[in-house]
Amino acid sequence: MRIDLHAHSTASDGTEPPADLVRAAFDSGLDVVALTDHDTTAGWAPALAAARDLGIGLVPGMEISCRSREGISVHVLAYLHDPTHAGLLEEIGKARRARLTRAERMVELLAEDFPITWADVTAQTAHEATVGRPHIADALVAAGVVSDRSEAFSNILTSHSRYYVTHYAPDPAHAVELVKEAGGAAVFAHPVASNRGRVVGEEVFRQMIDAGLDGVEVDHRDNPEEGRAWLRRLAAEQGLLMTGSSDYHGAGKPNRLGENVTAAAVLERILEIGSGAPAYLPSAA
């Protein structure tokens, strides 16, 4: 089986609607794909409908944007959690509101030097999507300031830029606790992606493991090889699951569906752990 457990739609910062994303996964020869939009489950229903029509497996999920006490960005992938869990909804709602305020302030700063307005950003955003830096990047591309999202993030939107604004995000260990309370499986997304910026130290990993972390995303294009080797040792030591994923965003990033995949046995364990929402697997339907 070819299983990709990390993909985004227009419900957050992908460029394809949920149903189109599922079709792209089907056309790519995947057997199972997970929809893991940032801080939202809004795309689950249309993605499920498409999966049923096409006969491809779907794992409903979400990527939770977190921040360590040192101010380092951390992402937690939640699979098969209860999308109505009050505690988790409260945290992601608070984070979404903070991201919106942050994005508005960043656009104000950018407008001092570039031809960009808030209307330009919202024009790049699907209805009720989680607004974030990728949408600002798309507006900069549309304005001809940069050629693509990668160029925008490499300089203008980097965390070291004068245009960068911080925002509230839950502590990663607390996010793991909430995912577990919601009946989900929790996986640390691209944990050693040092090319994105600072990565957390072993203490944060330990805190997340103590909170109930189920796995680490090892095979991801942004994890360097030496980091992957360290993650494999940690997973073996702590009994963590190891996943591989694309982190697909459609045209928003160069990542391609299925460029990294997860073993069928690991998916089976995630299905056993997750009790808050069902996966759709055609062979079991």
Protein backbone atom coordinates (compact mmCIF):
# COMPACT_ATOMS: atom_id res chain seq x y z
CA MET A 1 0.00 0.00 0.00
CA ARG A 2 1.11 3.56 -0.71
CA ILE A 3 0.08 5.75 2.23
CA ASP A 4 0.66 9.51 2.55
CA LEU A 5 -0.41 10.89 5.94
CA HIS A 6 0.19 14.64 5.50
CA ALA A 7 -1.59 16.78 2.91
CA HIS A 8 -3.31 20.17 2.83
CA SER A 9 -6.28 21.63 0.97
CA THR A 10 -7.76 25.09 0.53
CA ALA A 11 -9.38 24.65 3.94
CA SER A 12 -6.01 25.91 5.17
CA ASP A 13 -3.03 26.72 2.95
CA GLY A 14 -3.20 24.19 0.13
CA THR A 15 -4.18 25.26 -3.37
CA GLU A 16 -6.71 22.50 -4.15
CA PRO A 17 -10.18 22.06 -2.61
CA PRO A 18 -10.49 18.95 -0.41
CA ALA A 19 -12.22 16.86 -3.08
CA ASP A 20 -9.64 17.83 -5.69
CA LEU A 21 -6.84 16.94 -3.29
CA VAL A 22 -8.31 13.47 -2.82
CA ARG A 23 -8.58 13.05 -6.58
CA ALA A 24 -4.95 14.16 -6.96
CA ALA A 25 -3.99 11.50 -4.41
CA PHE A 26 -5.95 8.89 -6.35
CA ASP A 27 -4.37 9.96 -9.64
CA SER A 28 -0.93 9.75 -7.98
CA GLY A 29 -1.48 6.08 -7.23
CA LEU A 30 -1.93 6.43 -3.48
CA ASP A 31 -4.06 3.89 -1.63
CA VAL A 32 -4.59 6.10 1.43
CA VAL A 33 -4.20 9.84 2.04
CA ALA A 34 -4.67 11.89 5.19
CA LEU A 35 -6.19 15.37 5.09
CA THR A 36 -4.31 17.41 7.70
CA ASP A 37 -5.22 21.07 7.24
CA HIS A 38 -3.86 23.57 9.72
CA ASP A 39 -6.07 24.03 12.77
CA THR A 40 -9.29 23.02 11.03
CA THR A 41 -11.38 19.99 10.07
CA ALA A 42 -13.58 21.94 7.66
CA GLY A 43 -12.43 19.85 4.69
CA TRP A 44 -13.30 16.45 6.14
CA ALA A 45 -16.82 16.11 4.70
CA PRO A 46 -16.04 16.93 1.04
CA ALA A 47 -12.85 14.88 1.22
CA LEU A 48 -14.76 11.87 2.52
CA ALA A 49 -17.38 12.18 -0.22
CA ALA A 50 -14.63 12.22 -2.85
CA ALA A 51 -12.83 9.28 -1.25
CA ARG A 52 -16.02 7.21 -1.34
CA ASP A 53 -16.64 8.10 -4.99
CA LEU A 54 -13.08 7.23 -6.01
CA GLY A 55 -12.47 4.26 -3.75
CA ILE A 56 -9.35 5.67 -2.06
CA GLY A 57 -8.68 5.45 1.67
CA LEU A 58 -8.97 8.65 3.73
CA VAL A 59 -7.63 9.34 7.22
CA PRO A 60 -9.20 12.51 8.67
CA GLY A 61 -6.69 14.63 10.55
CA MET A 62 -5.45 18.09 11.38
CA GLU A 63 -2.08 19.81 11.81
CA ILE A 64 -1.97 21.86 15.01
CA SER A 65 0.31 24.90 15.02
CA CYS A 66 2.15 25.10 18.34
CA ARG A 67 5.00 27.06 19.91
CA SER A 68 7.51 25.97 22.52
CA ARG A 69 8.37 28.08 25.54
CA GLU A 70 11.47 29.20 23.66
CA GLY A 71 9.30 30.54 20.85
CA ILE A 72 10.10 27.75 18.38
CA SER A 73 7.38 26.63 15.97
CA VAL A 74 6.20 23.04 16.45
CA HIS A 75 3.51 21.21 14.47
CA VAL A 76 1.50 18.28 15.81
CA LEU A 77 -0.44 16.03 13.45
CA ALA A 78 -3.69 14.73 14.92
CA TYR A 79 -5.34 11.69 13.33
CA LEU A 80 -8.84 10.30 13.93
CA HIS A 81 -9.64 12.71 16.77
CA ASP A 82 -13.12 13.90 17.75
CA PRO A 83 -13.59 17.15 15.78
CA THR A 84 -16.12 18.39 18.36
CA HIS A 85 -13.85 18.00 21.41
CA ALA A 86 -14.39 21.21 23.39
CA GLY A 87 -10.86 21.64 24.73
CA LEU A 88 -9.20 21.12 21.38
CA LEU A 89 -11.69 23.39 19.63
CA GLU A 90 -11.03 26.14 22.17
CA GLU A 91 -7.26 25.98 21.63
CA ILE A 92 -7.34 25.92 17.84
CA GLY A 93 -9.98 28.66 17.83
CA LYS A 94 -7.74 30.86 19.95
CA ALA A 95 -4.80 30.12 17.67
CA ARG A 96 -6.81 30.81 14.51
CA ARG A 97 -7.92 34.19 15.84
CA ALA A 98 -4.34 35.05 16.76
CA ARG A 99 -3.10 34.01 13.31
CA LEU A 100 -5.65 36.32 11.70
CA THR A 101 -4.58 39.29 13.81
CA ARG A 102 -0.93 38.46 13.10
CA ALA A 103 -1.54 38.22 9.36
CA GLU A 104 -3.29 41.58 9.31
CA ARG A 105 -0.37 43.23 11.10
CA MET A 106 2.18 41.61 8.80
CA VAL A 107 0.33 42.92 5.76
CA GLU A 108 0.36 46.41 7.28
CA LEU A 109 4.15 46.20 7.61
CA LEU A 110 4.62 44.72 4.15
CA ALA A 111 2.46 47.43 2.58
CA GLU A 112 5.08 49.97 3.60
CA ASP A 113 7.49 48.43 1.06
CA PHE A 114 5.48 46.29 -1.34
CA PRO A 115 2.27 46.66 -3.42
CA ILE A 116 0.11 44.44 -1.21
CA THR A 117 -3.17 44.98 0.66
CA TRP A 118 -5.34 42.87 2.96
CA ALA A 119 -7.80 42.47 0.09
CA ASP A 120 -4.99 40.95 -1.98
CA VAL A 121 -4.43 38.35 0.73
CA THR A 122 -8.09 37.46 1.22
CA ALA A 123 -8.38 37.04 -2.55
CA GLN A 124 -5.90 34.16 -2.20
CA THR A 125 -7.82 32.53 0.64
CA ALA A 126 -10.72 30.09 0.39
CA HIS A 127 -13.89 30.82 2.36
CA GLU A 128 -13.34 30.25 6.11
CA ALA A 129 -9.79 28.99 5.53
CA THR A 130 -7.15 29.42 8.22
CA VAL A 131 -5.34 32.58 7.09
CA GLY A 132 -1.57 32.39 7.37
CA ARG A 133 1.75 33.36 5.86
CA PRO A 134 1.25 31.08 2.81
CA HIS A 135 -1.68 33.24 1.72
CA ILE A 136 0.44 36.37 2.16
CA ALA A 137 3.09 34.65 0.05
CA ASP A 138 0.50 33.94 -2.65
CA ALA A 139 -0.48 37.62 -2.65
CA LEU A 140 3.19 38.58 -3.08
CA VAL A 141 3.43 36.16 -6.01
CA ALA A 142 0.28 37.62 -7.58
CA ALA A 143 1.76 41.12 -7.18
CA GLY A 144 4.95 40.05 -8.97
CA VAL A 145 7.14 40.62 -5.92
CA VAL A 146 8.38 37.01 -5.81
CA SER A 147 8.14 34.06 -8.17
CA ASP A 148 6.69 31.50 -5.73
CA ARG A 149 5.97 30.72 -2.08
CA SER A 150 9.44 29.33 -1.49
CA GLU A 151 11.08 32.60 -2.51
CA ALA A 152 8.68 34.55 -0.31
CA PHE A 153 9.47 32.41 2.73
CA SER A 154 13.21 32.40 2.12
CA ASN A 155 13.52 36.14 2.69
CA ILE A 156 10.45 38.36 3.04
CA LEU A 157 8.36 36.12 5.30
CA THR A 158 11.13 34.43 7.27
CA SER A 159 10.91 34.62 11.05
CA HIS A 160 14.04 36.81 10.95
CA SER A 161 12.36 39.39 8.71
CA ARG A 162 11.27 42.77 10.01
CA TYR A 163 7.80 41.94 8.68
CA TYR A 164 7.41 38.89 10.90
CA VAL A 165 4.93 39.06 13.77
CA THR A 166 4.52 36.39 16.44
CA HIS A 167 1.15 35.01 17.50
CA TYR A 168 -0.38 32.78 20.15
CA ALA A 169 -0.04 29.04 19.69
CA PRO A 170 -0.54 26.23 22.22
CA ASP A 171 2.35 24.50 23.95
CA PRO A 172 3.15 21.30 21.99
CA ALA A 173 2.87 18.98 24.99
CA HIS A 174 -0.53 20.48 25.81
CA ALA A 175 -1.61 19.99 22.19
CA VAL A 176 -0.64 16.31 22.43
CA GLU A 177 -2.66 15.98 25.65
CA LEU A 178 -5.72 17.48 23.95
CA VAL A 179 -5.38 15.21 20.91
CA LYS A 180 -5.26 12.18 23.19
CA GLU A 181 -8.25 13.45 25.20
CA ALA A 182 -10.10 13.78 21.87
CA GLY A 183 -9.38 10.13 21.06
CA GLY A 184 -6.77 10.85 18.42
CA ALA A 185 -3.28 9.71 17.52
CA ALA A 186 -0.60 12.40 17.85
CA VAL A 187 2.48 12.58 15.60
CA PHE A 188 5.24 15.22 15.70
CA ALA A 189 5.38 16.72 12.18
CA HIS A 190 8.79 17.31 10.51
CA PRO A 191 10.47 17.54 13.94
CA VAL A 192 14.04 18.26 12.80
CA ALA A 193 13.34 20.47 9.77
CA SER A 194 16.23 22.83 10.52
CA ASN A 195 16.03 24.50 7.10
CA ARG A 196 12.73 26.03 8.25
CA GLY A 197 14.33 27.67 11.26
CA ARG A 198 15.15 26.67 14.82
CA VAL A 199 14.08 23.22 15.99
CA VAL A 200 13.33 22.18 19.55
CA GLY A 201 15.72 20.25 21.73
CA GLU A 202 15.33 16.85 23.28
CA GLU A 203 13.57 18.25 26.36
CA VAL A 204 10.52 19.23 24.28
CA PHE A 205 10.45 15.78 22.71
CA ARG A 206 10.45 14.28 26.21
CA GLN A 207 7.61 16.56 27.32
CA MET A 208 5.55 15.57 24.28
CA ILE A 209 6.30 11.87 24.84
CA ASP A 210 5.25 12.19 28.48
CA ALA A 211 2.02 13.82 27.27
CA GLY A 212 1.24 10.76 25.12
CA LEU A 213 2.95 11.38 21.76
CA ASP A 214 2.38 8.38 19.48
CA GLY A 215 4.87 8.99 16.71
CA VAL A 216 7.32 11.13 14.78
CA GLU A 217 7.27 12.05 11.10
CA VAL A 218 10.68 10.75 10.05
CA ASP A 219 10.62 10.68 6.25
CA HIS A 220 9.87 14.27 5.22
CA ARG A 221 11.82 16.27 2.67
CA ASP A 222 12.71 18.94 5.24
CA ASN A 223 14.23 16.51 7.76
CA PRO A 224 17.98 16.19 7.05
CA GLU A 225 19.44 12.69 6.90
CA GLU A 226 21.31 12.99 10.18
CA GLY A 227 18.11 14.17 11.82
CA ARG A 228 16.18 11.21 10.43
CA ALA A 229 18.76 8.84 11.87
CA TRP A 230 18.39 10.48 15.29
CA LEU A 231 14.58 10.24 15.04
CA ARG A 232 14.80 6.53 14.25
CA ARG A 233 16.94 5.96 17.33
CA LEU A 234 14.55 7.98 19.48
CA ALA A 235 11.53 6.09 18.09
CA ALA A 236 13.17 2.74 18.81
CA GLU A 237 14.09 3.84 22.32
CA GLN A 238 10.67 5.27 23.16
CA GLY A 239 8.42 2.91 21.19
CA LEU A 240 7.19 5.65 18.86
CA LEU A 241 5.61 5.11 15.46
CA MET A 242 7.55 6.40 12.46
CA THR A 243 5.65 7.95 9.56
CA GLY A 244 6.64 9.25 6.14
CA SER A 245 4.66 11.89 4.30
CA SER A 246 4.73 14.49 1.56
CA ASP A 247 3.28 17.56 3.33
CA TYR A 248 1.58 18.27 0.01
CA HIS A 249 0.16 21.76 -0.60
CA GLY A 250 -0.76 21.53 -4.29
CA ALA A 251 0.92 24.29 -6.27
CA GLY A 252 1.90 26.05 -3.05
CA LYS A 253 5.04 23.94 -2.48
CA PRO A 254 7.27 21.67 -4.57
CA ASN A 255 6.29 18.67 -2.37
CA ARG A 256 4.64 15.90 -4.41
CA LEU A 257 2.05 13.41 -3.17
CA GLY A 258 3.63 10.10 -2.24
CA GLU A 259 7.22 11.36 -2.31
CA ASN A 260 7.48 9.85 1.19
CA VAL A 261 5.10 7.20 2.47
CA THR A 262 4.09 5.41 5.67
CA ALA A 263 4.23 1.66 6.23
CA ALA A 264 0.92 -0.21 6.30
CA ALA A 265 1.72 -1.58 9.77
CA VAL A 266 2.11 1.96 11.11
CA LEU A 267 -1.24 3.00 9.65
CA GLU A 268 -2.78 -0.06 11.29
CA ARG A 269 -1.49 1.10 14.68
CA ILE A 270 -2.82 4.63 14.09
CA LEU A 271 -6.22 3.13 13.27
CA GLU A 272 -6.09 1.15 16.51
CA ILE A 273 -5.14 4.23 18.55
CA GLY A 274 -7.59 6.69 17.01
CA SER A 275 -11.12 6.39 18.36
CA GLY A 276 -12.50 9.91 17.98
CA ALA A 277 -13.40 9.70 14.28
CA PRO A 278 -13.42 6.86 11.74
CA ALA A 279 -11.13 6.48 8.76
CA TYR A 280 -12.53 5.46 5.40
CA LEU A 281 -10.84 2.40 3.92
CA PRO A 282 -12.60 0.91 0.87
CA SER A 283 -11.55 -2.64 1.76
CA ALA A 284 -13.25 -2.26 5.13
CA ALA A 285 -16.27 -0.27 3.96
